[in-house]
Amino acid sequence: MRSSFLIVRLNPQKLAYLKFILEGYDHLAILSVLDPEKGLLKVHFYEKEKSLIKEILEDLKTELSLELIDSI
């Protein structure tokens, strides 16, 4: 299976919350924290889950002050 990732920035105080949501959702994604002070992280997931990941992130955008930086 092919994997992909998104780079996102969010409120640093909400990192654990997003990790809990995505990994708790049947291990939908794995997060790697790139810069905890800036709230910068990499979200790793299987390509087939990309639309679901983006939908979840879009739903949480306001609550987490989330911004999509880059995707592959």
N, C-alpha and C. Protein backbone atom coordinates (compact mmCIF):
# COMPACT_ATOMS: atom_id res chain seq x y z
N MET A 1 0.83 -1.19 0.00
CA MET A 1 0.00 0.00 0.00
C MET A 1 0.87 1.24 0.00
N ARG A 2 0.39 2.23 -0.66
CA ARG A 2 1.10 3.50 -0.75
C ARG A 2 0.69 4.40 0.42
N SER A 3 1.67 5.07 1.01
CA SER A 3 1.36 5.97 2.11
C SER A 3 1.57 7.42 1.69
N SER A 4 0.94 8.31 2.42
CA SER A 4 1.00 9.74 2.16
C SER A 4 1.13 10.46 3.49
N PHE A 5 1.31 11.77 3.41
CA PHE A 5 1.33 12.55 4.63
C PHE A 5 0.87 13.97 4.35
N LEU A 6 0.46 14.63 5.41
CA LEU A 6 0.10 16.04 5.40
C LEU A 6 0.93 16.73 6.47
N ILE A 7 1.35 17.94 6.20
CA ILE A 7 2.00 18.77 7.22
C ILE A 7 0.96 19.80 7.66
N VAL A 8 0.72 19.85 8.96
CA VAL A 8 -0.27 20.78 9.49
C VAL A 8 0.30 21.56 10.66
N ARG A 9 -0.30 22.71 10.91
CA ARG A 9 0.03 23.52 12.07
C ARG A 9 -1.25 23.72 12.85
N LEU A 10 -1.16 23.62 14.16
CA LEU A 10 -2.34 23.83 14.99
C LEU A 10 -1.91 24.38 16.34
N ASN A 11 -2.89 24.74 17.13
CA ASN A 11 -2.65 25.22 18.48
C ASN A 11 -1.83 24.15 19.21
N PRO A 12 -0.62 24.48 19.68
CA PRO A 12 0.24 23.49 20.33
C PRO A 12 -0.41 22.78 21.52
N GLN A 13 -1.34 23.43 22.18
CA GLN A 13 -2.01 22.82 23.31
C GLN A 13 -2.99 21.72 22.88
N LYS A 14 -3.26 21.63 21.58
CA LYS A 14 -4.22 20.65 21.06
C LYS A 14 -3.55 19.46 20.36
N LEU A 15 -2.22 19.36 20.42
CA LEU A 15 -1.52 18.26 19.75
C LEU A 15 -1.99 16.89 20.24
N ALA A 16 -2.05 16.73 21.54
CA ALA A 16 -2.46 15.44 22.12
C ALA A 16 -3.90 15.10 21.74
N TYR A 17 -4.75 16.11 21.69
CA TYR A 17 -6.15 15.88 21.32
C TYR A 17 -6.26 15.34 19.90
N LEU A 18 -5.55 15.96 18.95
CA LEU A 18 -5.59 15.49 17.56
C LEU A 18 -5.00 14.09 17.45
N LYS A 19 -3.92 13.84 18.16
CA LYS A 19 -3.30 12.50 18.16
C LYS A 19 -4.30 11.46 18.66
N PHE A 20 -5.00 11.78 19.74
CA PHE A 20 -6.01 10.88 20.31
C PHE A 20 -7.12 10.60 19.29
N ILE A 21 -7.59 11.63 18.61
CA ILE A 21 -8.68 11.47 17.64
C ILE A 21 -8.25 10.59 16.47
N LEU A 22 -7.13 10.90 15.84
CA LEU A 22 -6.71 10.18 14.64
C LEU A 22 -6.22 8.76 14.92
N GLU A 23 -5.43 8.59 15.97
CA GLU A 23 -4.94 7.25 16.28
C GLU A 23 -6.03 6.40 16.92
N GLY A 24 -6.94 7.03 17.63
CA GLY A 24 -8.04 6.30 18.25
C GLY A 24 -9.12 5.88 17.26
N TYR A 25 -9.14 6.49 16.12
CA TYR A 25 -10.11 6.18 15.07
C TYR A 25 -9.60 4.98 14.27
N ASP A 26 -9.47 3.86 14.97
CA ASP A 26 -8.98 2.61 14.38
C ASP A 26 -7.62 2.80 13.71
N HIS A 27 -6.76 3.56 14.38
CA HIS A 27 -5.40 3.84 13.90
C HIS A 27 -5.41 4.38 12.47
N LEU A 28 -6.26 5.35 12.25
CA LEU A 28 -6.43 5.96 10.94
C LEU A 28 -5.16 6.65 10.46
N ALA A 29 -4.42 7.26 11.39
CA ALA A 29 -3.20 7.98 11.03
C ALA A 29 -2.24 7.96 12.20
N ILE A 30 -0.99 8.26 11.88
CA ILE A 30 0.05 8.37 12.90
C ILE A 30 0.63 9.78 12.80
N LEU A 31 0.80 10.41 13.95
CA LEU A 31 1.33 11.77 13.97
C LEU A 31 2.79 11.78 14.39
N SER A 32 3.56 12.63 13.74
CA SER A 32 4.94 12.90 14.12
C SER A 32 5.04 14.39 14.39
N VAL A 33 5.44 14.75 15.59
CA VAL A 33 5.57 16.16 15.95
C VAL A 33 6.90 16.68 15.42
N LEU A 34 6.84 17.70 14.58
CA LEU A 34 8.03 18.30 14.00
C LEU A 34 8.55 19.45 14.86
N ASP A 35 7.65 20.26 15.39
CA ASP A 35 8.01 21.38 16.26
C ASP A 35 6.88 21.60 17.26
N PRO A 36 7.05 21.11 18.50
CA PRO A 36 5.96 21.20 19.48
C PRO A 36 5.61 22.63 19.88
N GLU A 37 6.58 23.52 19.86
CA GLU A 37 6.32 24.91 20.27
C GLU A 37 5.46 25.64 19.24
N LYS A 38 5.63 25.30 17.97
CA LYS A 38 4.85 25.93 16.90
C LYS A 38 3.61 25.13 16.53
N GLY A 39 3.46 23.92 17.09
CA GLY A 39 2.32 23.09 16.77
C GLY A 39 2.41 22.50 15.36
N LEU A 40 3.61 22.25 14.89
CA LEU A 40 3.84 21.74 13.55
C LEU A 40 3.98 20.22 13.61
N LEU A 41 3.19 19.52 12.79
CA LEU A 41 3.25 18.06 12.79
C LEU A 41 3.01 17.46 11.42
N LYS A 42 3.40 16.21 11.30
CA LYS A 42 3.24 15.45 10.07
C LYS A 42 2.24 14.33 10.35
N VAL A 43 1.22 14.24 9.52
CA VAL A 43 0.18 13.23 9.66
C VAL A 43 0.42 12.17 8.58
N HIS A 44 0.78 10.95 8.99
CA HIS A 44 1.05 9.84 8.07
C HIS A 44 -0.20 8.97 7.95
N PHE A 45 -0.53 8.55 6.73
CA PHE A 45 -1.73 7.73 6.52
C PHE A 45 -1.62 7.01 5.18
N TYR A 46 -2.47 6.01 4.98
CA TYR A 46 -2.54 5.32 3.69
C TYR A 46 -3.29 6.20 2.69
N GLU A 47 -2.83 6.17 1.47
CA GLU A 47 -3.40 7.00 0.39
C GLU A 47 -4.92 6.84 0.29
N LYS A 48 -5.42 5.64 0.47
CA LYS A 48 -6.87 5.41 0.34
C LYS A 48 -7.69 6.12 1.42
N GLU A 49 -7.04 6.56 2.51
CA GLU A 49 -7.74 7.25 3.60
C GLU A 49 -7.65 8.77 3.49
N LYS A 50 -7.05 9.28 2.44
CA LYS A 50 -6.79 10.72 2.32
C LYS A 50 -8.06 11.57 2.43
N SER A 51 -9.11 11.17 1.75
CA SER A 51 -10.34 11.98 1.79
C SER A 51 -10.94 12.00 3.20
N LEU A 52 -10.89 10.88 3.90
CA LEU A 52 -11.42 10.83 5.27
C LEU A 52 -10.57 11.69 6.21
N ILE A 53 -9.26 11.61 6.07
CA ILE A 53 -8.35 12.42 6.89
C ILE A 53 -8.64 13.90 6.66
N LYS A 54 -8.73 14.31 5.41
CA LYS A 54 -8.99 15.72 5.11
C LYS A 54 -10.35 16.16 5.65
N GLU A 55 -11.33 15.29 5.59
CA GLU A 55 -12.66 15.61 6.11
C GLU A 55 -12.60 15.82 7.62
N ILE A 56 -11.91 14.95 8.32
CA ILE A 56 -11.78 15.07 9.78
C ILE A 56 -11.03 16.35 10.14
N LEU A 57 -9.92 16.62 9.44
CA LEU A 57 -9.15 17.82 9.72
C LEU A 57 -9.96 19.08 9.43
N GLU A 58 -10.74 19.05 8.38
CA GLU A 58 -11.60 20.19 8.04
C GLU A 58 -12.64 20.43 9.15
N ASP A 59 -13.21 19.35 9.68
CA ASP A 59 -14.19 19.47 10.77
C ASP A 59 -13.57 20.06 12.04
N LEU A 60 -12.28 19.77 12.27
CA LEU A 60 -11.59 20.23 13.47
C LEU A 60 -10.85 21.55 13.29
N LYS A 61 -10.90 22.10 12.09
CA LYS A 61 -10.11 23.27 11.73
C LYS A 61 -10.29 24.45 12.70
N THR A 62 -11.50 24.82 12.98
CA THR A 62 -11.76 25.97 13.84
C THR A 62 -11.41 25.66 15.29
N GLU A 63 -11.82 24.50 15.75
CA GLU A 63 -11.61 24.11 17.15
C GLU A 63 -10.12 24.03 17.51
N LEU A 64 -9.29 23.58 16.58
CA LEU A 64 -7.87 23.38 16.84
C LEU A 64 -6.98 24.47 16.26
N SER A 65 -7.57 25.48 15.65
CA SER A 65 -6.81 26.50 14.92
C SER A 65 -5.85 25.83 13.96
N LEU A 66 -6.37 24.90 13.18
CA LEU A 66 -5.58 24.05 12.31
C LEU A 66 -5.40 24.65 10.93
N GLU A 67 -4.20 24.52 10.40
CA GLU A 67 -3.87 25.02 9.06
C GLU A 67 -3.10 23.95 8.30
N LEU A 68 -3.55 23.63 7.11
CA LEU A 68 -2.85 22.69 6.25
C LEU A 68 -1.68 23.40 5.57
N ILE A 69 -0.46 22.89 5.77
CA ILE A 69 0.74 23.51 5.23
C ILE A 69 1.16 22.86 3.92
N ASP A 70 1.22 21.53 3.88
CA ASP A 70 1.71 20.81 2.72
C ASP A 70 1.13 19.42 2.71
N SER A 71 1.08 18.82 1.51
CA SER A 71 0.61 17.44 1.38
C SER A 71 1.36 16.73 0.28
N ILE A 72 1.47 15.43 0.44
CA ILE A 72 2.08 14.58 -0.59
C ILE A 72 1.25 13.32 -0.71
